[in-house]
Amino acid sequence: AVSLIDGATGALLSRVKGLGGAVRAGVISIPGDDAAFLVVSRDNGTLHKVVRTGDSLSLKASVAFAAESTSTPAATGDMAFVCGVDAQGYGTVSAIDVASMKVVSTARGGYGKAQGSPLVSTTGGKTYAYFTCNGQPGGVYSYCLEDDAVTQIYVPDQAHQQYCTSTVVADAQGRSFSTLAAV
């Protein structure tokens, strides 16, 4: 369920149930629309658009994009990017048009679930989503929407290869970072 809670009193104002599965990701607002939100349910990796009207929430649309997902989406412009895993166990990143709630493309990264939120960057007229996969050797993948291609842009040296569930983050200079977690 997604709930709207009064910040001053803690009272439940509204709740959207029936999202089809557990919600194990964060809720984000859609850029330019402070009354529309995106949330992912785990089963069938489904992205849901929830709309707020006053103190009431309603489910506007949903679209399945992966076999499973626990990724918090990232949005830029009219596109949402969200990670997941396909039926063969490979991490995926999907680009979804938030107006139509249609999957524009889904690309495969490495073996293992892509569980973190993708880091999205627009540069040189192209949109990139950076993500990790929870399988060895670890590392960071880059997906270019316009080229519809995934490249592994970082592979740890042999001594540091490990599983990774982390979100890729960047500092003000554009350097990206991810944490490898020992299992």
C-alpha atoms as a PDB file:
ATOM      1  CA  ALA A   1       0.000   0.000   0.000  1.00  0.00           C
ATOM      2  CA  VAL A   2       0.955   3.638  -0.443  1.00  0.00           C
ATOM      3  CA  SER A   3      -0.286   5.923   2.319  1.00  0.00           C
ATOM      4  CA  LEU A   4      -0.752   9.677   2.670  1.00  0.00           C
ATOM      5  CA  ILE A   5      -0.063  10.744   6.255  1.00  0.00           C
ATOM      6  CA  ASP A   6      -0.701  14.148   7.813  1.00  0.00           C
ATOM      7  CA  GLY A   7       2.784  15.358   8.792  1.00  0.00           C
ATOM      8  CA  ALA A   8       1.496  17.434  11.705  1.00  0.00           C
ATOM      9  CA  THR A   9      -0.809  14.881  13.342  1.00  0.00           C
ATOM     10  CA  GLY A  10       0.324  11.511  12.001  1.00  0.00           C
ATOM     11  CA  ALA A  11      -3.246  10.764  10.921  1.00  0.00           C
ATOM     12  CA  LEU A  12      -3.805   8.497   7.915  1.00  0.00           C
ATOM     13  CA  LEU A  13      -5.474  10.618   5.230  1.00  0.00           C
ATOM     14  CA  SER A  14      -5.642   8.145   2.348  1.00  0.00           C
ATOM     15  CA  ARG A  15      -4.269   4.796   1.218  1.00  0.00           C
ATOM     16  CA  VAL A  16      -3.946   3.031  -2.138  1.00  0.00           C
ATOM     17  CA  LYS A  17      -4.054  -0.748  -1.759  1.00  0.00           C
ATOM     18  CA  GLY A  18      -3.986  -3.552  -4.263  1.00  0.00           C
ATOM     19  CA  LEU A  19      -0.665  -2.798  -5.927  1.00  0.00           C
ATOM     20  CA  GLY A  20      -0.239  -6.505  -6.558  1.00  0.00           C
ATOM     21  CA  GLY A  21       2.701  -7.206  -4.292  1.00  0.00           C
ATOM     22  CA  ALA A  22       5.038  -5.923  -1.640  1.00  0.00           C
ATOM     23  CA  VAL A  23       6.365  -2.398  -2.039  1.00  0.00           C
ATOM     24  CA  ARG A  24      10.065  -2.578  -1.119  1.00  0.00           C
ATOM     25  CA  ALA A  25      11.191   0.679  -2.710  1.00  0.00           C
ATOM     26  CA  GLY A  26      10.870   4.398  -2.160  1.00  0.00           C
ATOM     27  CA  VAL A  27       8.129   6.638  -3.545  1.00  0.00           C
ATOM     28  CA  ILE A  28       9.265   9.500  -5.807  1.00  0.00           C
ATOM     29  CA  SER A  29       7.458  12.494  -7.243  1.00  0.00           C
ATOM     30  CA  ILE A  30       7.269  12.994 -10.990  1.00  0.00           C
ATOM     31  CA  PRO A  31       9.317  16.039 -12.080  1.00  0.00           C
ATOM     32  CA  GLY A  32       7.035  18.978 -12.851  1.00  0.00           C
ATOM     33  CA  ASP A  33       3.967  17.351 -11.275  1.00  0.00           C
ATOM     34  CA  ASP A  34       3.863  17.620  -7.479  1.00  0.00           C
ATOM     35  CA  ALA A  35       0.598  15.622  -7.346  1.00  0.00           C
ATOM     36  CA  ALA A  36       1.850  12.494  -9.148  1.00  0.00           C
ATOM     37  CA  PHE A  37       4.126   9.834  -7.685  1.00  0.00           C
ATOM     38  CA  LEU A  38       5.851   6.659  -8.823  1.00  0.00           C
ATOM     39  CA  VAL A  39       6.283   3.489  -6.788  1.00  0.00           C
ATOM     40  CA  VAL A  40       7.355  -0.065  -7.618  1.00  0.00           C
ATOM     41  CA  SER A  41       5.816  -3.303  -6.382  1.00  0.00           C
ATOM     42  CA  ARG A  42       8.131  -6.293  -6.232  1.00  0.00           C
ATOM     43  CA  ASP A  43       6.184  -8.980  -8.095  1.00  0.00           C
ATOM     44  CA  ASN A  44       6.268  -8.653 -11.869  1.00  0.00           C
ATOM     45  CA  GLY A  45       8.384  -5.538 -11.350  1.00  0.00           C
ATOM     46  CA  THR A  46       5.435  -3.196 -11.759  1.00  0.00           C
ATOM     47  CA  LEU A  47       5.688   0.601 -11.807  1.00  0.00           C
ATOM     48  CA  HIS A  48       2.592   2.372 -10.469  1.00  0.00           C
ATOM     49  CA  LYS A  49       1.556   6.009 -10.922  1.00  0.00           C
ATOM     50  CA  VAL A  50      -0.318   7.304  -7.871  1.00  0.00           C
ATOM     51  CA  VAL A  51      -2.067  10.686  -8.013  1.00  0.00           C
ATOM     52  CA  ARG A  52      -2.933  12.956  -5.089  1.00  0.00           C
ATOM     53  CA  THR A  53      -6.054  15.119  -5.226  1.00  0.00           C
ATOM     54  CA  GLY A  54      -6.356  17.096  -1.988  1.00  0.00           C
ATOM     55  CA  ASP A  55      -6.144  14.516   0.795  1.00  0.00           C
ATOM     56  CA  SER A  56      -7.028  11.568  -1.435  1.00  0.00           C
ATOM     57  CA  LEU A  57      -4.754   9.136  -3.296  1.00  0.00           C
ATOM     58  CA  SER A  58      -5.747   7.095  -6.345  1.00  0.00           C
ATOM     59  CA  LEU A  59      -3.999   4.634  -8.621  1.00  0.00           C
ATOM     60  CA  LYS A  60      -3.780   6.212 -12.085  1.00  0.00           C
ATOM     61  CA  ALA A  61      -1.881   3.543 -14.079  1.00  0.00           C
ATOM     62  CA  SER A  62       0.504   0.588 -13.789  1.00  0.00           C
ATOM     63  CA  VAL A  63       2.965  -1.151 -16.094  1.00  0.00           C
ATOM     64  CA  ALA A  64       4.995  -4.350 -15.604  1.00  0.00           C
ATOM     65  CA  PHE A  65       8.643  -4.024 -16.680  1.00  0.00           C
ATOM     66  CA  ALA A  66      10.614  -6.934 -15.112  1.00  0.00           C
ATOM     67  CA  ALA A  67      10.187 -10.348 -13.511  1.00  0.00           C
ATOM     68  CA  GLU A  68      10.811  -8.719 -10.109  1.00  0.00           C
ATOM     69  CA  SER A  69      11.969  -5.371  -8.728  1.00  0.00           C
ATOM     70  CA  THR A  70      12.850  -3.728  -5.417  1.00  0.00           C
ATOM     71  CA  SER A  71      14.322  -0.626  -7.093  1.00  0.00           C
ATOM     72  CA  THR A  72      13.262   2.929  -6.341  1.00  0.00           C
ATOM     73  CA  PRO A  73      12.654   4.589  -9.715  1.00  0.00           C
ATOM     74  CA  ALA A  74      14.486   7.706 -10.926  1.00  0.00           C
ATOM     75  CA  ALA A  75      12.767  10.220 -13.196  1.00  0.00           C
ATOM     76  CA  THR A  76      13.914  12.946 -15.527  1.00  0.00           C
ATOM     77  CA  GLY A  77      11.766  14.872 -17.966  1.00  0.00           C
ATOM     78  CA  ASP A  78       8.989  12.575 -19.127  1.00  0.00           C
ATOM     79  CA  MET A  79      10.886   9.329 -18.486  1.00  0.00           C
ATOM     80  CA  ALA A  80      11.249   7.063 -15.467  1.00  0.00           C
ATOM     81  CA  PHE A  81      14.122   4.600 -15.159  1.00  0.00           C
ATOM     82  CA  VAL A  82      13.859   1.583 -12.901  1.00  0.00           C
ATOM     83  CA  CYS A  83      15.965  -1.506 -12.304  1.00  0.00           C
ATOM     84  CA  GLY A  84      14.876  -5.118 -11.923  1.00  0.00           C
ATOM     85  CA  VAL A  85      15.710  -8.662 -12.933  1.00  0.00           C
ATOM     86  CA  ASP A  86      14.560 -10.710 -15.910  1.00  0.00           C
ATOM     87  CA  ALA A  87      13.326 -14.311 -15.878  1.00  0.00           C
ATOM     88  CA  GLN A  88      16.863 -15.599 -16.553  1.00  0.00           C
ATOM     89  CA  GLY A  89      18.346 -13.796 -13.524  1.00  0.00           C
ATOM     90  CA  TYR A  90      20.034 -10.869 -15.294  1.00  0.00           C
ATOM     91  CA  GLY A  91      19.766  -7.328 -13.965  1.00  0.00           C
ATOM     92  CA  THR A  92      17.724  -4.962 -16.106  1.00  0.00           C
ATOM     93  CA  VAL A  93      17.053  -1.274 -16.460  1.00  0.00           C
ATOM     94  CA  SER A  94      13.823  -0.084 -18.055  1.00  0.00           C
ATOM     95  CA  ALA A  95      12.879   3.296 -19.500  1.00  0.00           C
ATOM     96  CA  ILE A  96       9.182   4.080 -19.059  1.00  0.00           C
ATOM     97  CA  ASP A  97       7.231   7.011 -20.495  1.00  0.00           C
ATOM     98  CA  VAL A  98       5.421   8.425 -17.441  1.00  0.00           C
ATOM     99  CA  ALA A  99       2.633  10.093 -19.450  1.00  0.00           C
ATOM    100  CA  SER A 100       1.541   6.908 -21.235  1.00  0.00           C
ATOM    101  CA  MET A 101       2.977   4.473 -18.638  1.00  0.00           C
ATOM    102  CA  LYS A 102       4.414   2.383 -21.479  1.00  0.00           C
ATOM    103  CA  VAL A 103       7.806   0.661 -21.425  1.00  0.00           C
ATOM    104  CA  VAL A 104       9.991   2.365 -24.027  1.00  0.00           C
ATOM    105  CA  SER A 105      12.864  -0.095 -23.643  1.00  0.00           C
ATOM    106  CA  THR A 106      14.380  -2.663 -21.306  1.00  0.00           C
ATOM    107  CA  ALA A 107      18.082  -3.491 -21.401  1.00  0.00           C
ATOM    108  CA  ARG A 108      20.015  -6.284 -19.719  1.00  0.00           C
ATOM    109  CA  GLY A 109      23.096  -5.743 -17.557  1.00  0.00           C
ATOM    110  CA  GLY A 110      25.093  -8.436 -15.770  1.00  0.00           C
ATOM    111  CA  TYR A 111      23.978 -11.550 -13.960  1.00  0.00           C
ATOM    112  CA  GLY A 112      22.197 -10.810 -10.659  1.00  0.00           C
ATOM    113  CA  LYS A 113      19.320  -8.565  -9.660  1.00  0.00           C
ATOM    114  CA  ALA A 114      19.710  -4.833 -10.288  1.00  0.00           C
ATOM    115  CA  GLN A 115      18.331  -3.662  -6.941  1.00  0.00           C
ATOM    116  CA  GLY A 116      19.554  -0.086  -6.438  1.00  0.00           C
ATOM    117  CA  SER A 117      17.975   3.029  -7.854  1.00  0.00           C
ATOM    118  CA  PRO A 118      19.522   3.998 -11.194  1.00  0.00           C
ATOM    119  CA  LEU A 119      21.514   7.241 -11.362  1.00  0.00           C
ATOM    120  CA  VAL A 120      20.236   9.203 -14.371  1.00  0.00           C
ATOM    121  CA  SER A 121      22.278  11.823 -16.222  1.00  0.00           C
ATOM    122  CA  THR A 122      21.544  13.816 -19.356  1.00  0.00           C
ATOM    123  CA  THR A 123      24.585  15.024 -21.243  1.00  0.00           C
ATOM    124  CA  GLY A 124      25.429  15.750 -24.874  1.00  0.00           C
ATOM    125  CA  GLY A 125      21.789  15.270 -25.872  1.00  0.00           C
ATOM    126  CA  LYS A 126      21.720  11.718 -24.517  1.00  0.00           C
ATOM    127  CA  THR A 127      20.234  10.183 -21.375  1.00  0.00           C
ATOM    128  CA  TYR A 128      22.247   7.667 -19.366  1.00  0.00           C
ATOM    129  CA  ALA A 129      21.196   5.430 -16.470  1.00  0.00           C
ATOM    130  CA  TYR A 130      23.955   3.955 -14.278  1.00  0.00           C
ATOM    131  CA  PHE A 131      23.272   0.855 -12.184  1.00  0.00           C
ATOM    132  CA  THR A 132      24.799  -2.159 -10.441  1.00  0.00           C
ATOM    133  CA  CYS A 133      23.904  -5.866 -10.459  1.00  0.00           C
ATOM    134  CA  ASN A 134      23.968  -8.163  -7.437  1.00  0.00           C
ATOM    135  CA  GLY A 135      26.285 -10.754  -8.949  1.00  0.00           C
ATOM    136  CA  GLN A 136      29.979 -11.204  -9.476  1.00  0.00           C
ATOM    137  CA  PRO A 137      32.185  -9.591 -10.666  1.00  0.00           C
ATOM    138  CA  GLY A 138      30.218  -6.534  -9.502  1.00  0.00           C
ATOM    139  CA  GLY A 139      30.903  -3.204 -11.127  1.00  0.00           C
ATOM    140  CA  VAL A 140      28.891  -0.435 -12.725  1.00  0.00           C
ATOM    141  CA  TYR A 141      26.808  -0.538 -15.915  1.00  0.00           C
ATOM    142  CA  SER A 142      25.798   2.385 -18.131  1.00  0.00           C
ATOM    143  CA  TYR A 143      22.636   2.342 -20.242  1.00  0.00           C
ATOM    144  CA  CYS A 144      22.190   4.949 -23.010  1.00  0.00           C
ATOM    145  CA  LEU A 145      18.518   5.468 -23.880  1.00  0.00           C
ATOM    146  CA  GLU A 146      19.150   6.887 -27.343  1.00  0.00           C
ATOM    147  CA  ASP A 147      21.585   4.096 -28.305  1.00  0.00           C
ATOM    148  CA  ASP A 148      19.526   1.424 -26.461  1.00  0.00           C
ATOM    149  CA  ALA A 149      22.789  -0.135 -25.279  1.00  0.00           C
ATOM    150  CA  VAL A 150      24.346  -1.246 -21.975  1.00  0.00           C
ATOM    151  CA  THR A 151      28.093  -1.093 -21.324  1.00  0.00           C
ATOM    152  CA  GLN A 152      29.903  -2.273 -18.217  1.00  0.00           C
ATOM    153  CA  ILE A 153      31.949   0.838 -17.460  1.00  0.00           C
ATOM    154  CA  TYR A 154      33.683  -0.401 -14.315  1.00  0.00           C
ATOM    155  CA  VAL A 155      34.869  -3.869 -13.318  1.00  0.00           C
ATOM    156  CA  PRO A 156      36.623  -4.187  -9.944  1.00  0.00           C
ATOM    157  CA  ASP A 157      40.061  -5.760  -9.914  1.00  0.00           C
ATOM    158  CA  GLN A 158      40.093  -9.470  -9.016  1.00  0.00           C
ATOM    159  CA  ALA A 159      40.721  -8.852  -5.288  1.00  0.00           C
ATOM    160  CA  HIS A 160      37.674  -6.542  -4.989  1.00  0.00           C
ATOM    161  CA  GLN A 161      35.071  -8.371  -7.056  1.00  0.00           C
ATOM    162  CA  GLN A 162      31.894  -8.823  -5.032  1.00  0.00           C
ATOM    163  CA  TYR A 163      28.091  -8.698  -5.112  1.00  0.00           C
ATOM    164  CA  CYS A 164      26.467  -5.257  -5.077  1.00  0.00           C
ATOM    165  CA  THR A 165      22.995  -3.975  -4.210  1.00  0.00           C
ATOM    166  CA  SER A 166      24.027  -0.321  -3.970  1.00  0.00           C
ATOM    167  CA  THR A 167      22.747   2.678  -5.831  1.00  0.00           C
ATOM    168  CA  VAL A 168      25.338   4.532  -7.905  1.00  0.00           C
ATOM    169  CA  VAL A 169      25.727   8.144  -6.719  1.00  0.00           C
ATOM    170  CA  ALA A 170      27.728  11.066  -8.105  1.00  0.00           C
ATOM    171  CA  ASP A 171      29.421  14.053  -6.526  1.00  0.00           C
ATOM    172  CA  ALA A 172      29.296  17.658  -7.794  1.00  0.00           C
ATOM    173  CA  GLN A 173      32.190  16.950 -10.192  1.00  0.00           C
ATOM    174  CA  GLY A 174      30.327  14.027 -11.776  1.00  0.00           C
ATOM    175  CA  ARG A 175      32.491  11.296 -10.253  1.00  0.00           C
ATOM    176  CA  SER A 176      30.402   8.221  -9.529  1.00  0.00           C
ATOM    177  CA  PHE A 177      30.628   5.940  -6.521  1.00  0.00           C
ATOM    178  CA  SER A 178      29.126   2.623  -5.510  1.00  0.00           C
ATOM    179  CA  THR A 179      29.677   0.391  -2.489  1.00  0.00           C
ATOM    180  CA  LEU A 180      30.455  -3.286  -2.904  1.00  0.00           C
ATOM    181  CA  ALA A 181      28.936  -5.379  -0.131  1.00  0.00           C
ATOM    182  CA  ALA A 182      30.490  -8.575   1.155  1.00  0.00           C
ATOM    183  CA  VAL A 183      28.086 -11.492   1.309  1.00  0.00           C
END
